Amino acid sequence: MKTKQEIHEIIFRLKALYPDAACSLDYKKDYELLFSVRLAAQCTDERVNKISPALFARFPTLQSFAEADVDEVGEYVHSCGFWRAKSRDIVASAKMLLARFNGVVPDNMEDLLSLPGVGRKTANLILGDIYGMEGYVCDTHCIRISGRLGITDGSKDPVKVEQQLRNAIAPEESSDFCHRMVLHGRALCMARGPKCEECPLRELCDFSNT
């Protein structure tokens, strides 16, 4: 496992490599990010960004989503896969946001997890991106790369990885760190054929040095 000094150096190099650590999903309203993250499950952000403009134009308000026919929503999100479950969750979440939270996306883990289709990964992303709070978003890239680097013990369990990252990464760095893990996973540290020879983290990486 990495020392605090090594983790500090990793974060420093990631910042230099990816200065813009913004979420890659396009959205204008808080609830749009919530719905886009749901659509991105087992789908690429690129695909979600292609279909979301038409979806949000057809249903321009939270109220319109709450009143929407699930099958019609499904027509817009069909190409994202698992469209029935995703459409159902989006409509149900819109109804719950209006009924329980006055149309506001919650700012705490417990309430976020009460929304249909929302797990800890989604909740952490919302807390980090919308509210500027700590957000340990343990997606496949973050789990893979933090394990390869030696920041975590290589576990594939998102809950365990999240806890290990909470112990290793300062809260104020957490959201941007996880976004940079996604960017690094797409650019250099792919699941298959990682470009270790091009990676500025290679001398700090357990995987590269085995």
N, C-alpha and C. Protein backbone atom coordinates (compact mmCIF):
# COMPACT_ATOMS: atom_id res chain seq x y z
N MET A 1 0.85 -1.20 0.00
CA MET A 1 0.00 0.00 0.00
C MET A 1 0.88 1.25 0.00
N LYS A 2 0.42 2.28 -0.62
CA LYS A 2 1.21 3.50 -0.78
C LYS A 2 1.25 4.34 0.51
N THR A 3 2.37 5.05 0.66
CA THR A 3 2.51 5.99 1.77
C THR A 3 1.76 7.29 1.42
N LYS A 4 1.55 8.13 2.41
CA LYS A 4 0.89 9.41 2.17
C LYS A 4 1.70 10.26 1.19
N GLN A 5 3.01 10.20 1.31
CA GLN A 5 3.86 10.98 0.41
C GLN A 5 3.73 10.49 -1.02
N GLU A 6 3.68 9.18 -1.20
CA GLU A 6 3.53 8.62 -2.55
C GLU A 6 2.17 8.97 -3.13
N ILE A 7 1.14 8.91 -2.32
CA ILE A 7 -0.20 9.27 -2.79
C ILE A 7 -0.24 10.74 -3.17
N HIS A 8 0.38 11.59 -2.37
CA HIS A 8 0.46 13.02 -2.69
C HIS A 8 1.12 13.23 -4.05
N GLU A 9 2.19 12.48 -4.33
CA GLU A 9 2.89 12.60 -5.61
C GLU A 9 2.02 12.10 -6.76
N ILE A 10 1.29 11.02 -6.54
CA ILE A 10 0.37 10.49 -7.56
C ILE A 10 -0.68 11.55 -7.91
N ILE A 11 -1.27 12.15 -6.89
CA ILE A 11 -2.29 13.17 -7.12
C ILE A 11 -1.69 14.37 -7.85
N PHE A 12 -0.50 14.77 -7.46
CA PHE A 12 0.19 15.89 -8.12
C PHE A 12 0.38 15.61 -9.61
N ARG A 13 0.82 14.41 -9.95
CA ARG A 13 1.06 14.07 -11.34
C ARG A 13 -0.24 13.94 -12.12
N LEU A 14 -1.26 13.42 -11.48
CA LEU A 14 -2.57 13.32 -12.15
C LEU A 14 -3.13 14.71 -12.46
N LYS A 15 -2.94 15.65 -11.55
CA LYS A 15 -3.40 17.01 -11.78
C LYS A 15 -2.69 17.63 -12.99
N ALA A 16 -1.41 17.37 -13.11
CA ALA A 16 -0.66 17.88 -14.25
C ALA A 16 -1.10 17.24 -15.55
N LEU A 17 -1.43 15.95 -15.47
CA LEU A 17 -1.82 15.19 -16.66
C LEU A 17 -3.25 15.52 -17.10
N TYR A 18 -4.14 15.70 -16.12
CA TYR A 18 -5.55 15.98 -16.41
C TYR A 18 -6.01 17.17 -15.58
N PRO A 19 -5.66 18.37 -16.00
CA PRO A 19 -6.02 19.56 -15.20
C PRO A 19 -7.52 19.78 -15.10
N ASP A 20 -8.26 19.37 -16.12
CA ASP A 20 -9.72 19.49 -16.08
C ASP A 20 -10.30 18.17 -15.62
N ALA A 21 -10.78 18.13 -14.39
CA ALA A 21 -11.28 16.87 -13.82
C ALA A 21 -12.80 16.81 -13.81
N ALA A 22 -13.45 17.55 -14.70
CA ALA A 22 -14.92 17.61 -14.71
C ALA A 22 -15.52 16.27 -15.14
N CYS A 23 -16.74 16.06 -14.70
CA CYS A 23 -17.51 14.89 -15.12
C CYS A 23 -17.71 14.92 -16.62
N SER A 24 -17.64 13.78 -17.26
CA SER A 24 -17.77 13.73 -18.72
C SER A 24 -19.21 13.65 -19.20
N LEU A 25 -20.16 13.58 -18.29
CA LEU A 25 -21.57 13.60 -18.66
C LEU A 25 -22.05 15.04 -18.80
N ASP A 26 -22.82 15.29 -19.85
CA ASP A 26 -23.34 16.64 -20.10
C ASP A 26 -24.67 16.83 -19.37
N TYR A 27 -24.81 17.95 -18.67
CA TYR A 27 -26.07 18.25 -17.99
C TYR A 27 -26.15 19.73 -17.68
N LYS A 28 -27.36 20.23 -17.52
CA LYS A 28 -27.58 21.62 -17.16
C LYS A 28 -28.29 21.75 -15.81
N LYS A 29 -29.04 20.74 -15.43
CA LYS A 29 -29.79 20.76 -14.18
C LYS A 29 -29.32 19.60 -13.30
N ASP A 30 -29.42 19.77 -12.00
CA ASP A 30 -28.94 18.75 -11.08
C ASP A 30 -29.58 17.39 -11.35
N TYR A 31 -30.89 17.39 -11.55
CA TYR A 31 -31.55 16.09 -11.74
C TYR A 31 -31.16 15.46 -13.06
N GLU A 32 -30.75 16.28 -14.04
CA GLU A 32 -30.28 15.71 -15.31
C GLU A 32 -29.02 14.89 -15.12
N LEU A 33 -28.14 15.36 -14.24
CA LEU A 33 -26.95 14.56 -13.94
C LEU A 33 -27.35 13.25 -13.27
N LEU A 34 -28.27 13.32 -12.34
CA LEU A 34 -28.75 12.12 -11.65
C LEU A 34 -29.27 11.11 -12.66
N PHE A 35 -30.10 11.56 -13.61
CA PHE A 35 -30.67 10.65 -14.59
C PHE A 35 -29.61 10.16 -15.58
N SER A 36 -28.68 11.03 -15.95
CA SER A 36 -27.63 10.62 -16.89
C SER A 36 -26.73 9.55 -16.28
N VAL A 37 -26.44 9.68 -15.00
CA VAL A 37 -25.62 8.66 -14.34
C VAL A 37 -26.35 7.32 -14.35
N ARG A 38 -27.66 7.36 -14.14
CA ARG A 38 -28.43 6.11 -14.20
C ARG A 38 -28.35 5.50 -15.59
N LEU A 39 -28.44 6.33 -16.61
CA LEU A 39 -28.36 5.83 -17.98
C LEU A 39 -26.98 5.28 -18.31
N ALA A 40 -25.96 5.80 -17.65
CA ALA A 40 -24.58 5.40 -17.95
C ALA A 40 -24.20 4.05 -17.37
N ALA A 41 -25.06 3.47 -16.55
CA ALA A 41 -24.76 2.16 -16.00
C ALA A 41 -24.65 1.14 -17.13
N GLN A 42 -23.51 0.48 -17.20
CA GLN A 42 -23.23 -0.51 -18.25
C GLN A 42 -23.42 0.09 -19.65
N CYS A 43 -23.06 1.36 -19.75
CA CYS A 43 -23.13 2.08 -21.02
C CYS A 43 -22.06 3.16 -20.97
N THR A 44 -21.64 3.67 -22.11
CA THR A 44 -20.60 4.69 -22.12
C THR A 44 -21.20 6.08 -21.91
N ASP A 45 -20.40 6.96 -21.32
CA ASP A 45 -20.83 8.35 -21.18
C ASP A 45 -21.05 8.98 -22.55
N GLU A 46 -20.25 8.60 -23.51
CA GLU A 46 -20.38 9.13 -24.87
C GLU A 46 -21.76 8.82 -25.44
N ARG A 47 -22.22 7.61 -25.25
CA ARG A 47 -23.54 7.23 -25.74
C ARG A 47 -24.63 8.01 -25.02
N VAL A 48 -24.51 8.15 -23.71
CA VAL A 48 -25.50 8.90 -22.94
C VAL A 48 -25.57 10.35 -23.41
N ASN A 49 -24.41 10.95 -23.66
CA ASN A 49 -24.39 12.34 -24.12
C ASN A 49 -25.02 12.51 -25.50
N LYS A 50 -25.04 11.44 -26.28
CA LYS A 50 -25.66 11.51 -27.61
C LYS A 50 -27.18 11.49 -27.53
N ILE A 51 -27.71 10.76 -26.55
CA ILE A 51 -29.18 10.62 -26.50
C ILE A 51 -29.83 11.59 -25.51
N SER A 52 -29.07 12.11 -24.56
CA SER A 52 -29.68 12.93 -23.51
C SER A 52 -30.27 14.26 -23.99
N PRO A 53 -29.67 14.95 -24.99
CA PRO A 53 -30.29 16.20 -25.42
C PRO A 53 -31.74 16.04 -25.88
N ALA A 54 -32.01 15.00 -26.65
CA ALA A 54 -33.38 14.77 -27.12
C ALA A 54 -34.29 14.39 -25.96
N LEU A 55 -33.77 13.60 -25.03
CA LEU A 55 -34.55 13.19 -23.86
C LEU A 55 -34.94 14.40 -23.02
N PHE A 56 -33.96 15.27 -22.74
CA PHE A 56 -34.23 16.42 -21.89
C PHE A 56 -35.04 17.49 -22.61
N ALA A 57 -35.01 17.49 -23.95
CA ALA A 57 -35.86 18.41 -24.71
C ALA A 57 -37.32 17.94 -24.68
N ARG A 58 -37.51 16.63 -24.75
CA ARG A 58 -38.88 16.09 -24.70
C ARG A 58 -39.48 16.23 -23.32
N PHE A 59 -38.66 16.07 -22.29
CA PHE A 59 -39.13 16.19 -20.90
C PHE A 59 -38.31 17.30 -20.23
N PRO A 60 -38.68 18.54 -20.42
CA PRO A 60 -37.83 19.67 -20.01
C PRO A 60 -37.87 20.02 -18.53
N THR A 61 -38.78 19.42 -17.80
CA THR A 61 -38.88 19.71 -16.36
C THR A 61 -38.97 18.41 -15.57
N LEU A 62 -38.70 18.52 -14.28
CA LEU A 62 -38.83 17.35 -13.42
C LEU A 62 -40.28 16.88 -13.39
N GLN A 63 -41.21 17.81 -13.41
CA GLN A 63 -42.63 17.47 -13.43
C GLN A 63 -42.98 16.66 -14.67
N SER A 64 -42.42 17.05 -15.81
CA SER A 64 -42.73 16.31 -17.03
C SER A 64 -42.17 14.89 -16.99
N PHE A 65 -41.03 14.70 -16.34
CA PHE A 65 -40.51 13.35 -16.15
C PHE A 65 -41.42 12.54 -15.22
N ALA A 66 -41.90 13.18 -14.18
CA ALA A 66 -42.76 12.49 -13.22
C ALA A 66 -44.07 12.05 -13.85
N GLU A 67 -44.51 12.80 -14.83
CA GLU A 67 -45.78 12.50 -15.51
C GLU A 67 -45.58 11.67 -16.77
N ALA A 68 -44.35 11.35 -17.10
CA ALA A 68 -44.03 10.68 -18.36
C ALA A 68 -44.48 9.22 -18.37
N ASP A 69 -44.78 8.75 -19.55
CA ASP A 69 -45.02 7.32 -19.76
C ASP A 69 -43.67 6.62 -19.82
N VAL A 70 -43.53 5.58 -19.03
CA VAL A 70 -42.24 4.89 -18.95
C VAL A 70 -41.80 4.37 -20.31
N ASP A 71 -42.73 3.86 -21.10
CA ASP A 71 -42.36 3.33 -22.41
C ASP A 71 -41.88 4.43 -23.35
N GLU A 72 -42.47 5.64 -23.22
CA GLU A 72 -42.01 6.73 -24.07
C GLU A 72 -40.59 7.15 -23.69
N VAL A 73 -40.32 7.22 -22.40
CA VAL A 73 -38.94 7.50 -21.96
C VAL A 73 -38.01 6.44 -22.53
N GLY A 74 -38.48 5.20 -22.51
CA GLY A 74 -37.69 4.10 -23.03
C GLY A 74 -37.32 4.26 -24.49
N GLU A 75 -38.19 4.89 -25.26
CA GLU A 75 -37.89 5.10 -26.68
C GLU A 75 -36.66 6.00 -26.86
N TYR A 76 -36.48 6.92 -25.94
CA TYR A 76 -35.36 7.85 -26.03
C TYR A 76 -34.06 7.25 -25.50
N VAL A 77 -34.16 6.30 -24.59
CA VAL A 77 -32.96 5.76 -23.93
C VAL A 77 -32.66 4.33 -24.34
N HIS A 78 -33.38 3.84 -25.33
CA HIS A 78 -33.28 2.43 -25.72
C HIS A 78 -31.84 2.01 -26.02
N SER A 79 -31.09 2.89 -26.67
CA SER A 79 -29.73 2.51 -27.10
C SER A 79 -28.74 2.44 -25.95
N CYS A 80 -29.16 2.86 -24.76
CA CYS A 80 -28.26 2.79 -23.60
C CYS A 80 -28.27 1.42 -22.93
N GLY A 81 -29.16 0.55 -23.38
CA GLY A 81 -29.24 -0.77 -22.78
C GLY A 81 -30.04 -0.79 -21.49
N PHE A 82 -30.63 -1.93 -21.18
CA PHE A 82 -31.44 -2.09 -19.96
C PHE A 82 -32.45 -0.94 -19.84
N TRP A 83 -33.03 -0.57 -20.96
CA TRP A 83 -33.84 0.64 -21.02
C TRP A 83 -35.11 0.57 -20.19
N ARG A 84 -35.67 -0.61 -20.02
CA ARG A 84 -36.90 -0.71 -19.23
C ARG A 84 -36.65 -0.33 -17.77
N ALA A 85 -35.60 -0.93 -17.20
CA ALA A 85 -35.28 -0.64 -15.80
C ALA A 85 -34.84 0.81 -15.63
N LYS A 86 -34.06 1.31 -16.57
CA LYS A 86 -33.58 2.69 -16.46
C LYS A 86 -34.73 3.68 -16.59
N SER A 87 -35.63 3.44 -17.54
CA SER A 87 -36.78 4.33 -17.73
C SER A 87 -37.67 4.32 -16.49
N ARG A 88 -37.90 3.14 -15.96
CA ARG A 88 -38.73 3.01 -14.76
C ARG A 88 -38.11 3.76 -13.58
N ASP A 89 -36.81 3.62 -13.42
CA ASP A 89 -36.13 4.30 -12.30
C ASP A 89 -36.16 5.81 -12.45
N ILE A 90 -35.99 6.30 -13.67
CA ILE A 90 -35.98 7.74 -13.91
C ILE A 90 -37.34 8.36 -13.58
N VAL A 91 -38.39 7.74 -14.06
CA VAL A 91 -39.74 8.26 -13.79
C VAL A 91 -40.05 8.18 -12.29
N ALA A 92 -39.71 7.05 -11.68
CA ALA A 92 -39.97 6.88 -10.25
C ALA A 92 -39.15 7.87 -9.42
N SER A 93 -37.91 8.12 -9.82
CA SER A 93 -37.07 9.09 -9.11
C SER A 93 -37.63 10.50 -9.22
N ALA A 94 -38.12 10.85 -10.41
CA ALA A 94 -38.72 12.18 -10.60
C ALA A 94 -39.91 12.36 -9.66
N LYS A 95 -40.73 11.33 -9.57
CA LYS A 95 -41.89 11.40 -8.67
C LYS A 95 -41.45 11.55 -7.22
N MET A 96 -40.43 10.80 -6.82
CA MET A 96 -39.98 10.85 -5.44
C MET A 96 -39.31 12.20 -5.12
N LEU A 97 -38.54 12.72 -6.07
CA LEU A 97 -37.91 14.02 -5.86
C LEU A 97 -38.95 15.10 -5.61
N LEU A 98 -40.04 15.04 -6.34
CA LEU A 98 -41.10 16.03 -6.15
C LEU A 98 -41.88 15.81 -4.86
N ALA A 99 -42.19 14.55 -4.58
CA ALA A 99 -43.04 14.23 -3.43
C ALA A 99 -42.32 14.36 -2.10
N ARG A 100 -41.04 13.96 -2.05
CA ARG A 100 -40.32 13.90 -0.78
C ARG A 100 -39.29 14.99 -0.58
N PHE A 101 -38.76 15.51 -1.71
CA PHE A 101 -37.62 16.42 -1.59
C PHE A 101 -37.86 17.78 -2.25
N ASN A 102 -39.14 18.12 -2.47
CA ASN A 102 -39.50 19.43 -3.04
C ASN A 102 -38.79 19.71 -4.36
N GLY A 103 -38.54 18.66 -5.12
CA GLY A 103 -37.93 18.82 -6.43
C GLY A 103 -36.44 19.07 -6.41
N VAL A 104 -35.82 18.89 -5.26
CA VAL A 104 -34.38 19.15 -5.12
C VAL A 104 -33.64 17.82 -4.95
N VAL A 105 -32.57 17.64 -5.69
CA VAL A 105 -31.73 16.44 -5.54
C VAL A 105 -31.11 16.48 -4.16
N PRO A 106 -31.26 15.41 -3.37
CA PRO A 106 -30.74 15.42 -1.99
C PRO A 106 -29.24 15.65 -1.91
N ASP A 107 -28.83 16.20 -0.76
CA ASP A 107 -27.42 16.52 -0.55
C ASP A 107 -26.77 15.63 0.50
N ASN A 108 -27.36 14.44 0.70
CA ASN A 108 -26.77 13.51 1.66
C ASN A 108 -26.93 12.08 1.17
N MET A 109 -26.04 11.21 1.62
CA MET A 109 -25.98 9.85 1.14
C MET A 109 -27.27 9.08 1.41
N GLU A 110 -27.81 9.19 2.60
CA GLU A 110 -28.98 8.40 2.97
C GLU A 110 -30.17 8.69 2.06
N ASP A 111 -30.46 9.96 1.83
CA ASP A 111 -31.60 10.31 0.99
C ASP A 111 -31.35 9.95 -0.47
N LEU A 112 -30.13 10.14 -0.94
CA LEU A 112 -29.81 9.76 -2.32
C LEU A 112 -30.02 8.26 -2.54
N LEU A 113 -29.59 7.46 -1.58
CA LEU A 113 -29.72 6.01 -1.72
C LEU A 113 -31.18 5.55 -1.67
N SER A 114 -32.07 6.41 -1.21
CA SER A 114 -33.49 6.05 -1.18
C SER A 114 -34.14 6.19 -2.55
N LEU A 115 -33.47 6.85 -3.49
CA LEU A 115 -34.01 7.04 -4.83
C LEU A 115 -33.86 5.77 -5.66
N PRO A 116 -34.84 5.44 -6.48
CA PRO A 116 -34.77 4.22 -7.30
C PRO A 116 -33.56 4.21 -8.22
N GLY A 117 -32.82 3.12 -8.19
CA GLY A 117 -31.68 2.94 -9.08
C GLY A 117 -30.42 3.66 -8.66
N VAL A 118 -30.43 4.29 -7.49
CA VAL A 118 -29.25 5.03 -7.04
C VAL A 118 -28.46 4.20 -6.04
N GLY A 119 -27.20 3.93 -6.37
CA GLY A 119 -26.31 3.24 -5.46
C GLY A 119 -25.24 4.18 -4.95
N ARG A 120 -24.26 3.65 -4.26
CA ARG A 120 -23.24 4.51 -3.65
C ARG A 120 -22.39 5.23 -4.69
N LYS A 121 -22.13 4.59 -5.81
CA LYS A 121 -21.33 5.25 -6.84
C LYS A 121 -22.04 6.51 -7.33
N THR A 122 -23.30 6.37 -7.67
CA THR A 122 -24.08 7.53 -8.12
C THR A 122 -24.18 8.59 -7.04
N ALA A 123 -24.47 8.17 -5.82
CA ALA A 123 -24.63 9.12 -4.72
C ALA A 123 -23.33 9.90 -4.49
N ASN A 124 -22.20 9.21 -4.51
CA ASN A 124 -20.91 9.88 -4.33
C ASN A 124 -20.65 10.89 -5.43
N LEU A 125 -21.01 10.55 -6.66
CA LEU A 125 -20.79 11.47 -7.77
C LEU A 125 -21.65 12.72 -7.60
N ILE A 126 -22.91 12.54 -7.22
CA ILE A 126 -23.80 13.68 -7.01
C ILE A 126 -23.27 14.58 -5.90
N LEU A 127 -22.84 13.99 -4.80
CA LEU A 127 -22.33 14.77 -3.68
C LEU A 127 -21.09 15.56 -4.09
N GLY A 128 -20.22 14.94 -4.88
CA GLY A 128 -19.00 15.61 -5.29
C GLY A 128 -19.22 16.67 -6.35
N ASP A 129 -19.99 16.33 -7.38
CA ASP A 129 -20.13 17.23 -8.53
C ASP A 129 -21.15 18.34 -8.32
N ILE A 130 -22.24 18.03 -7.65
CA ILE A 130 -23.29 19.04 -7.46
C ILE A 130 -23.05 19.85 -6.20
N TYR A 131 -22.64 19.19 -5.14
CA TYR A 131 -22.56 19.87 -3.85
C TYR A 131 -21.14 20.17 -3.38
N GLY A 132 -20.14 19.74 -4.15
CA GLY A 132 -18.76 20.04 -3.78
C GLY A 132 -18.32 19.35 -2.50
N MET A 133 -18.99 18.27 -2.15
CA MET A 133 -18.63 17.50 -0.97
C MET A 133 -17.65 16.40 -1.37
N GLU A 134 -17.24 15.60 -0.38
CA GLU A 134 -16.41 14.45 -0.71
C GLU A 134 -17.22 13.49 -1.57
N GLY A 135 -16.56 12.92 -2.56
CA GLY A 135 -17.24 12.00 -3.45
C GLY A 135 -16.29 10.92 -3.95
N TYR A 136 -16.36 9.77 -3.31
CA TYR A 136 -15.47 8.65 -3.66
C TYR A 136 -16.21 7.74 -4.65
N VAL A 137 -16.08 8.07 -5.93
CA VAL A 137 -16.85 7.39 -6.97
C VAL A 137 -16.07 6.17 -7.46
N CYS A 138 -16.47 5.01 -7.00
CA CYS A 138 -15.72 3.78 -7.30
C CYS A 138 -16.33 3.06 -8.49
N ASP A 139 -16.01 3.59 -9.68
CA ASP A 139 -16.42 2.89 -10.89
C ASP A 139 -15.32 1.91 -11.29
N THR A 140 -15.48 1.28 -12.44
CA THR A 140 -14.52 0.24 -12.84
C THR A 140 -13.11 0.80 -13.03
N HIS A 141 -13.01 2.02 -13.58
CA HIS A 141 -11.69 2.62 -13.77
C HIS A 141 -11.01 2.89 -12.44
N CYS A 142 -11.75 3.49 -11.52
CA CYS A 142 -11.17 3.84 -10.22
C CYS A 142 -10.76 2.59 -9.45
N ILE A 143 -11.59 1.58 -9.48
CA ILE A 143 -11.27 0.33 -8.78
C ILE A 143 -10.03 -0.31 -9.38
N ARG A 144 -9.97 -0.38 -10.71
CA ARG A 144 -8.84 -1.02 -11.38
C ARG A 144 -7.53 -0.27 -11.14
N ILE A 145 -7.55 1.04 -11.36
CA ILE A 145 -6.30 1.82 -11.33
C ILE A 145 -5.80 2.03 -9.91
N SER A 146 -6.70 2.29 -8.97
CA SER A 146 -6.24 2.45 -7.58
C SER A 146 -5.61 1.16 -7.07
N GLY A 147 -6.12 0.03 -7.54
CA GLY A 147 -5.52 -1.25 -7.18
C GLY A 147 -4.17 -1.45 -7.84
N ARG A 148 -4.07 -1.09 -9.11
CA ARG A 148 -2.80 -1.23 -9.81
C ARG A 148 -1.73 -0.34 -9.20
N LEU A 149 -2.12 0.86 -8.83
CA LEU A 149 -1.15 1.79 -8.24
C LEU A 149 -0.68 1.33 -6.86
N GLY A 150 -1.57 0.61 -6.16
CA GLY A 150 -1.25 0.18 -4.81
C GLY A 150 -1.83 1.10 -3.75
N ILE A 151 -2.76 1.97 -4.17
CA ILE A 151 -3.46 2.82 -3.19
C ILE A 151 -4.45 1.96 -2.41
N THR A 152 -5.05 0.99 -3.10
CA THR A 152 -5.91 0.00 -2.45
C THR A 152 -5.25 -1.36 -2.57
N ASP A 153 -5.86 -2.36 -1.96
CA ASP A 153 -5.24 -3.69 -1.94
C ASP A 153 -5.59 -4.55 -3.15
N GLY A 154 -6.24 -3.95 -4.14
CA GLY A 154 -6.59 -4.70 -5.34
C GLY A 154 -7.97 -5.32 -5.29
N SER A 155 -8.72 -5.05 -4.24
CA SER A 155 -10.09 -5.58 -4.13
C SER A 155 -10.95 -5.06 -5.27
N LYS A 156 -11.90 -5.88 -5.71
CA LYS A 156 -12.86 -5.48 -6.74
C LYS A 156 -14.20 -5.08 -6.13
N ASP A 157 -14.30 -5.16 -4.83
CA ASP A 157 -15.54 -4.82 -4.12
C ASP A 157 -15.63 -3.30 -3.99
N PRO A 158 -16.61 -2.66 -4.64
CA PRO A 158 -16.71 -1.20 -4.61
C PRO A 158 -16.80 -0.62 -3.21
N VAL A 159 -17.52 -1.27 -2.31
CA VAL A 159 -17.68 -0.76 -0.95
C VAL A 159 -16.34 -0.79 -0.22
N LYS A 160 -15.60 -1.89 -0.38
CA LYS A 160 -14.30 -2.02 0.27
C LYS A 160 -13.31 -1.00 -0.31
N VAL A 161 -13.32 -0.85 -1.64
CA VAL A 161 -12.43 0.12 -2.28
C VAL A 161 -12.76 1.53 -1.82
N GLU A 162 -14.04 1.84 -1.74
CA GLU A 162 -14.44 3.17 -1.27
C GLU A 162 -13.89 3.44 0.12
N GLN A 163 -13.99 2.48 1.00
CA GLN A 163 -13.49 2.68 2.36
C GLN A 163 -11.98 2.87 2.37
N GLN A 164 -11.27 2.09 1.56
CA GLN A 164 -9.82 2.23 1.49
C GLN A 164 -9.42 3.59 0.92
N LEU A 165 -10.17 4.07 -0.07
CA LEU A 165 -9.88 5.39 -0.63
C LEU A 165 -10.18 6.49 0.38
N ARG A 166 -11.23 6.31 1.17
CA ARG A 166 -11.53 7.29 2.21
C ARG A 166 -10.37 7.40 3.20
N ASN A 167 -9.69 6.30 3.42
CA ASN A 167 -8.55 6.30 4.35
C ASN A 167 -7.28 6.86 3.71
N ALA A 168 -7.25 6.90 2.37
CA ALA A 168 -6.02 7.28 1.67
C ALA A 168 -6.08 8.66 1.02
N ILE A 169 -7.25 9.04 0.51
CA ILE A 169 -7.40 10.28 -0.26
C ILE A 169 -8.18 11.30 0.57
N ALA A 170 -7.64 12.50 0.69
CA ALA A 170 -8.31 13.55 1.45
C ALA A 170 -9.67 13.86 0.85
N PRO A 171 -10.66 14.15 1.67
CA PRO A 171 -12.02 14.43 1.16
C PRO A 171 -12.06 15.49 0.08
N GLU A 172 -11.28 16.56 0.25
CA GLU A 172 -11.31 17.65 -0.71
C GLU A 172 -10.69 17.27 -2.06
N GLU A 173 -9.94 16.18 -2.09
CA GLU A 173 -9.34 15.70 -3.34
C GLU A 173 -10.16 14.58 -3.98
N SER A 174 -11.12 14.03 -3.25
CA SER A 174 -11.75 12.78 -3.64
C SER A 174 -12.48 12.82 -4.97
N SER A 175 -13.33 13.81 -5.16
CA SER A 175 -14.14 13.85 -6.38
C SER A 175 -13.27 14.01 -7.63
N ASP A 176 -12.35 14.98 -7.60
CA ASP A 176 -11.47 15.19 -8.74
C ASP A 176 -10.56 13.99 -8.98
N PHE A 177 -10.08 13.36 -7.90
CA PHE A 177 -9.24 12.18 -8.03
C PHE A 177 -9.97 11.09 -8.80
N CYS A 178 -11.22 10.85 -8.44
CA CYS A 178 -11.98 9.78 -9.10
C CYS A 178 -12.27 10.11 -10.56
N HIS A 179 -12.54 11.39 -10.86
CA HIS A 179 -12.72 11.78 -12.25
C HIS A 179 -11.43 11.56 -13.04
N ARG A 180 -10.30 11.86 -12.43
CA ARG A 180 -9.01 11.67 -13.10
C ARG A 180 -8.71 10.19 -13.30
N MET A 181 -9.21 9.34 -12.42
CA MET A 181 -9.06 7.90 -12.62
C MET A 181 -9.78 7.45 -13.89
N VAL A 182 -10.95 8.03 -14.13
CA VAL A 182 -11.71 7.71 -15.34
C VAL A 182 -10.93 8.18 -16.58
N LEU A 183 -10.44 9.40 -16.54
CA LEU A 183 -9.68 9.94 -17.67
C LEU A 183 -8.42 9.12 -17.93
N HIS A 184 -7.74 8.72 -16.85
CA HIS A 184 -6.52 7.93 -16.98
C HIS A 184 -6.83 6.54 -17.52
N GLY A 185 -7.96 5.98 -17.10
CA GLY A 185 -8.35 4.67 -17.57
C GLY A 185 -8.69 4.65 -19.05
N ARG A 186 -9.18 5.77 -19.55
CA ARG A 186 -9.50 5.86 -20.97
C ARG A 186 -8.26 6.16 -21.81
N ALA A 187 -7.34 6.95 -21.24
CA ALA A 187 -6.19 7.40 -22.03
C ALA A 187 -5.02 6.44 -22.01
N LEU A 188 -4.69 5.90 -20.83
CA LEU A 188 -3.45 5.11 -20.70
C LEU A 188 -3.62 3.78 -19.97
N CYS A 189 -4.39 3.79 -18.88
CA CYS A 189 -4.43 2.60 -18.02
C CYS A 189 -5.68 1.77 -18.29
N MET A 190 -5.78 1.30 -19.54
CA MET A 190 -6.93 0.50 -19.92
C MET A 190 -6.91 -0.87 -19.25
N ALA A 191 -8.05 -1.51 -19.22
CA ALA A 191 -8.13 -2.84 -18.61
C ALA A 191 -7.23 -3.82 -19.35
N ARG A 192 -7.22 -3.70 -20.67
CA ARG A 192 -6.36 -4.55 -21.49
C ARG A 192 -5.36 -3.68 -22.25
N GLY A 193 -4.13 -4.08 -22.24
CA GLY A 193 -3.10 -3.35 -22.95
C GLY A 193 -2.81 -1.97 -22.42
N PRO A 194 -2.63 -1.82 -21.11
CA PRO A 194 -2.30 -0.49 -20.58
C PRO A 194 -0.96 0.01 -21.14
N LYS A 195 -0.88 1.31 -21.38
CA LYS A 195 0.32 1.90 -21.97
C LYS A 195 1.29 2.35 -20.88
N CYS A 196 1.82 1.38 -20.17
CA CYS A 196 2.68 1.67 -19.02
C CYS A 196 3.90 2.50 -19.40
N GLU A 197 4.45 2.24 -20.58
CA GLU A 197 5.67 2.94 -20.99
C GLU A 197 5.42 4.43 -21.20
N GLU A 198 4.17 4.82 -21.42
CA GLU A 198 3.84 6.23 -21.64
C GLU A 198 3.32 6.91 -20.36
N CYS A 199 3.17 6.16 -19.31
CA CYS A 199 2.47 6.66 -18.13
C CYS A 199 3.42 7.39 -17.18
N PRO A 200 3.10 8.63 -16.81
CA PRO A 200 3.96 9.37 -15.87
C PRO A 200 3.85 8.87 -14.43
N LEU A 201 2.98 7.91 -14.20
CA LEU A 201 2.85 7.33 -12.87
C LEU A 201 3.61 6.01 -12.74
N ARG A 202 4.27 5.57 -13.80
CA ARG A 202 4.79 4.20 -13.83
C ARG A 202 5.76 3.88 -12.71
N GLU A 203 6.59 4.84 -12.31
CA GLU A 203 7.57 4.55 -11.27
C GLU A 203 6.92 4.44 -9.89
N LEU A 204 5.68 4.91 -9.79
CA LEU A 204 4.94 4.84 -8.52
C LEU A 204 3.91 3.71 -8.53
N CYS A 205 3.85 2.96 -9.62
CA CYS A 205 2.78 1.99 -9.83
C CYS A 205 3.24 0.56 -9.54
N ASP A 206 2.52 -0.11 -8.66
CA ASP A 206 2.84 -1.51 -8.34
C ASP A 206 2.72 -2.39 -9.56
N PHE A 207 1.68 -2.18 -10.35
CA PHE A 207 1.42 -3.01 -11.54
C PHE A 207 2.56 -2.88 -12.53
N SER A 208 3.01 -1.65 -12.77
CA SER A 208 4.07 -1.40 -13.75
C SER A 208 5.41 -1.97 -13.30
N ASN A 209 5.58 -2.12 -12.00
CA ASN A 209 6.88 -2.54 -11.46
C ASN A 209 6.91 -4.00 -11.01
N THR A 210 5.90 -4.78 -11.42
CA THR A 210 5.90 -6.20 -11.07
C THR A 210 6.59 -7.00 -12.15
